[in-house]
Amino acid sequence: MFAIEILSALLNVGFVLGLAFRVRWAWVLGFFGSTLAVILLFDSKLYAESILNSSYALLAIYGWFSWGRPASALGPIISRPIALVLMLGLAVGLAWLMIRHTDNPRPLADAIMFSGGILGTLWQVQRDRWNWPLWLVLNGIGIWLYADRGLWVYAMYSGLMAGLACWGWFRWGSEVNAAKATSK
């Protein structure tokens, strides 16, 4: 499992770097990194995280096709407050289900990672800059969650991803500012 953990982490770091540079091929790396993570996380009894990574793999396919179109063709972004409330509602419901029906030792953290990860990925597909602070929070939770399960490479990977989320926020912000300056 250690080799799968390392390869998955490397592919997913490549994915986030590619996203920060707004490169379409990043979605391919995300697909393979997420597919490997499914195996790793299921083996660690992080069931919602395993399902989440299955969702990431599917969303990577969607992201690949969506990023092949202009950003203006993606449609409106759902209201962020509504999306966050829905995310938290999903997390509470999923945590309740896992408490009742699984042996997951960290159901609430796992459920927050699941619901927040879906929202963050949808915001990435839509090229919404606010995906980055959400990922910063989720990766902070991930550091603790993965360390708790003995997934030390994934815990360090989450720390790196938190740093990349900060960098992505500023990188996408500088692109927005540059676009505003050239349009004046």
Protein backbone atom coordinates (compact mmCIF):
# COMPACT_ATOMS: atom_id res chain seq x y z
CA MET A 1 0.00 0.00 0.00
CA PHE A 2 2.94 2.33 0.61
CA ALA A 3 3.82 2.47 -3.11
CA ILE A 4 0.19 3.22 -3.98
CA GLU A 5 0.14 5.98 -1.34
CA ILE A 6 3.27 7.63 -2.77
CA LEU A 7 2.20 7.35 -6.41
CA SER A 8 -1.29 8.67 -5.65
CA ALA A 9 0.15 11.62 -3.72
CA LEU A 10 2.60 12.48 -6.52
CA LEU A 11 -0.09 12.32 -9.20
CA ASN A 12 -2.40 14.51 -7.13
CA VAL A 13 0.33 17.09 -6.47
CA GLY A 14 0.82 17.23 -10.24
CA PHE A 15 -2.94 17.68 -10.57
CA VAL A 16 -3.03 20.70 -8.25
CA LEU A 17 0.05 22.27 -9.85
CA GLY A 18 -1.60 21.87 -13.24
CA LEU A 19 -4.82 23.43 -11.95
CA ALA A 20 -2.95 26.39 -10.50
CA PHE A 21 -1.49 26.99 -13.97
CA ARG A 22 -4.95 26.31 -15.50
CA VAL A 23 -3.64 23.46 -17.64
CA ARG A 24 -6.25 21.03 -18.91
CA TRP A 25 -4.07 17.90 -18.68
CA ALA A 26 -4.09 18.27 -14.90
CA TRP A 27 -7.44 16.48 -14.90
CA VAL A 28 -5.77 13.32 -16.28
CA LEU A 29 -3.32 13.28 -13.36
CA GLY A 30 -6.22 13.85 -10.97
CA PHE A 31 -8.10 10.92 -12.46
CA PHE A 32 -5.24 8.45 -11.94
CA GLY A 33 -4.24 9.85 -8.54
CA SER A 34 -7.82 9.58 -7.32
CA THR A 35 -8.26 6.07 -8.68
CA LEU A 36 -5.23 4.88 -6.71
CA ALA A 37 -6.48 6.70 -3.61
CA VAL A 38 -9.72 4.69 -3.73
CA ILE A 39 -7.74 1.50 -3.09
CA LEU A 40 -5.58 3.04 -0.37
CA LEU A 41 -8.38 4.70 1.56
CA PHE A 42 -10.74 1.74 1.44
CA ASP A 43 -7.96 -0.41 2.85
CA SER A 44 -7.62 2.15 5.70
CA LYS A 45 -11.38 1.98 6.46
CA LEU A 46 -11.94 5.57 5.36
CA TYR A 47 -15.01 4.65 3.36
CA ALA A 48 -16.35 8.12 2.61
CA GLU A 49 -12.87 9.19 1.53
CA SER A 50 -12.74 6.14 -0.76
CA ILE A 51 -16.13 7.00 -2.28
CA LEU A 52 -15.02 10.63 -2.51
CA ASN A 53 -11.99 9.66 -4.55
CA SER A 54 -14.23 7.62 -6.84
CA SER A 55 -16.24 10.82 -7.28
CA TYR A 56 -13.03 12.77 -7.92
CA ALA A 57 -12.14 10.34 -10.70
CA LEU A 58 -15.55 10.89 -12.31
CA LEU A 59 -15.31 14.65 -11.80
CA ALA A 60 -11.86 14.58 -13.39
CA ILE A 61 -13.47 13.27 -16.57
CA TYR A 62 -16.07 16.05 -16.33
CA GLY A 63 -13.29 18.58 -15.63
CA TRP A 64 -11.32 17.43 -18.67
CA PHE A 65 -14.28 18.05 -20.97
CA SER A 66 -15.36 21.25 -19.21
CA TRP A 67 -11.91 22.79 -19.40
CA GLY A 68 -11.96 22.08 -23.12
CA ARG A 69 -14.65 24.78 -23.40
CA PRO A 70 -14.43 28.49 -22.63
CA ALA A 71 -15.13 29.47 -19.00
CA SER A 72 -18.15 31.46 -20.15
CA ALA A 73 -19.79 28.23 -21.37
CA LEU A 74 -19.77 26.63 -17.89
CA GLY A 75 -22.94 28.28 -16.62
CA PRO A 76 -23.62 30.06 -13.35
CA ILE A 77 -21.91 29.18 -10.09
CA ILE A 78 -24.29 28.14 -7.31
CA SER A 79 -24.49 30.68 -4.47
CA ARG A 80 -21.51 30.02 -2.21
CA PRO A 81 -23.46 30.31 1.09
CA ILE A 82 -26.10 27.88 -0.18
CA ALA A 83 -23.40 25.50 -1.40
CA LEU A 84 -21.64 25.58 1.97
CA VAL A 85 -24.89 24.90 3.86
CA LEU A 86 -25.64 21.97 1.54
CA MET A 87 -22.09 20.70 2.05
CA LEU A 88 -22.44 20.78 5.84
CA GLY A 89 -25.87 19.14 5.70
CA LEU A 90 -24.47 16.34 3.57
CA ALA A 91 -21.57 15.93 6.00
CA VAL A 92 -23.87 15.59 9.02
CA GLY A 93 -26.12 13.09 7.24
CA LEU A 94 -23.21 11.04 5.97
CA ALA A 95 -21.53 11.04 9.39
CA TRP A 96 -24.76 9.78 10.97
CA LEU A 97 -24.96 6.95 8.42
CA MET A 98 -21.34 5.96 9.01
CA ILE A 99 -21.79 6.00 12.79
CA ARG A 100 -24.73 3.62 12.47
CA HIS A 101 -23.50 1.33 9.70
CA THR A 102 -19.69 1.22 9.51
CA ASP A 103 -16.59 0.73 11.63
CA ASN A 104 -15.19 4.12 10.54
CA PRO A 105 -13.25 5.55 13.51
CA ARG A 106 -13.59 9.19 12.35
CA PRO A 107 -16.99 9.51 10.68
CA LEU A 108 -17.47 13.28 11.01
CA ALA A 109 -14.03 14.20 9.68
CA ASP A 110 -14.41 11.66 6.89
CA ALA A 111 -17.85 13.05 6.01
CA ILE A 112 -16.61 16.67 6.00
CA MET A 113 -13.77 15.66 3.70
CA PHE A 114 -16.29 13.94 1.43
CA SER A 115 -18.83 16.74 1.15
CA GLY A 116 -16.24 19.51 1.05
CA GLY A 117 -14.18 17.65 -1.51
CA ILE A 118 -17.14 17.34 -3.87
CA LEU A 119 -17.88 21.06 -3.54
CA GLY A 120 -14.22 22.03 -3.94
CA THR A 121 -13.87 19.93 -7.08
CA LEU A 122 -17.07 21.37 -8.58
CA TRP A 123 -15.71 24.85 -7.91
CA GLN A 124 -12.43 23.83 -9.60
CA VAL A 125 -14.31 22.61 -12.66
CA GLN A 126 -16.18 25.93 -12.75
CA ARG A 127 -12.87 27.80 -12.33
CA ASP A 128 -14.16 29.48 -9.19
CA ARG A 129 -11.26 31.00 -7.25
CA TRP A 130 -12.97 30.18 -3.92
CA ASN A 131 -12.10 26.50 -4.35
CA TRP A 132 -8.64 27.30 -2.96
CA PRO A 133 -9.60 28.43 0.60
CA LEU A 134 -11.99 25.48 0.86
CA TRP A 135 -9.12 23.15 -0.03
CA LEU A 136 -6.92 24.85 2.56
CA VAL A 137 -9.43 23.96 5.29
CA LEU A 138 -9.99 20.44 3.97
CA ASN A 139 -6.28 19.72 3.74
CA GLY A 140 -5.84 20.93 7.31
CA ILE A 141 -8.43 18.36 8.39
CA GLY A 142 -6.75 15.82 6.12
CA ILE A 143 -3.38 16.20 7.88
CA TRP A 144 -4.96 15.07 11.14
CA LEU A 145 -7.24 12.43 9.61
CA TYR A 146 -4.51 10.71 7.60
CA ALA A 147 -2.00 10.85 10.46
CA ASP A 148 -4.65 9.30 12.71
CA ARG A 149 -4.94 6.36 10.28
CA GLY A 150 -1.14 5.98 9.95
CA LEU A 151 -1.08 7.30 6.38
CA TRP A 152 2.01 9.47 6.93
CA VAL A 153 2.75 10.14 3.27
CA TYR A 154 -0.84 11.30 2.78
CA ALA A 155 -0.61 13.45 5.92
CA MET A 156 2.52 15.17 4.55
CA TYR A 157 0.86 15.36 1.14
CA SER A 158 -2.10 17.16 2.74
CA GLY A 159 0.30 19.68 4.28
CA LEU A 160 1.85 20.28 0.88
CA MET A 161 -1.59 20.56 -0.70
CA ALA A 162 -2.58 23.16 1.91
CA GLY A 163 0.43 25.22 0.86
CA LEU A 164 -0.45 24.76 -2.81
CA ALA A 165 -4.01 25.91 -2.05
CA CYS A 166 -2.60 29.19 -0.72
CA TRP A 167 -0.42 29.53 -3.78
CA GLY A 168 -3.32 28.71 -6.13
CA TRP A 169 -5.48 31.39 -4.46
CA PHE A 170 -2.85 34.06 -5.10
CA ARG A 171 -2.01 32.79 -8.58
CA TRP A 172 -5.63 32.81 -9.73
CA GLY A 173 -6.08 36.23 -8.07
CA SER A 174 -3.13 37.71 -9.95
CA GLU A 175 -4.62 36.42 -13.22
CA VAL A 176 -7.94 38.11 -12.39
CA ASN A 177 -6.15 41.36 -11.57
CA ALA A 178 -4.09 41.18 -14.78
CA ALA A 179 -7.25 40.61 -16.82
CA LYS A 180 -8.93 43.60 -15.16
CA ALA A 181 -5.90 45.80 -15.86
CA THR A 182 -5.81 44.89 -19.56
CA SER A 183 -9.54 45.47 -19.99
CA LYS A 184 -9.28 49.12 -18.87
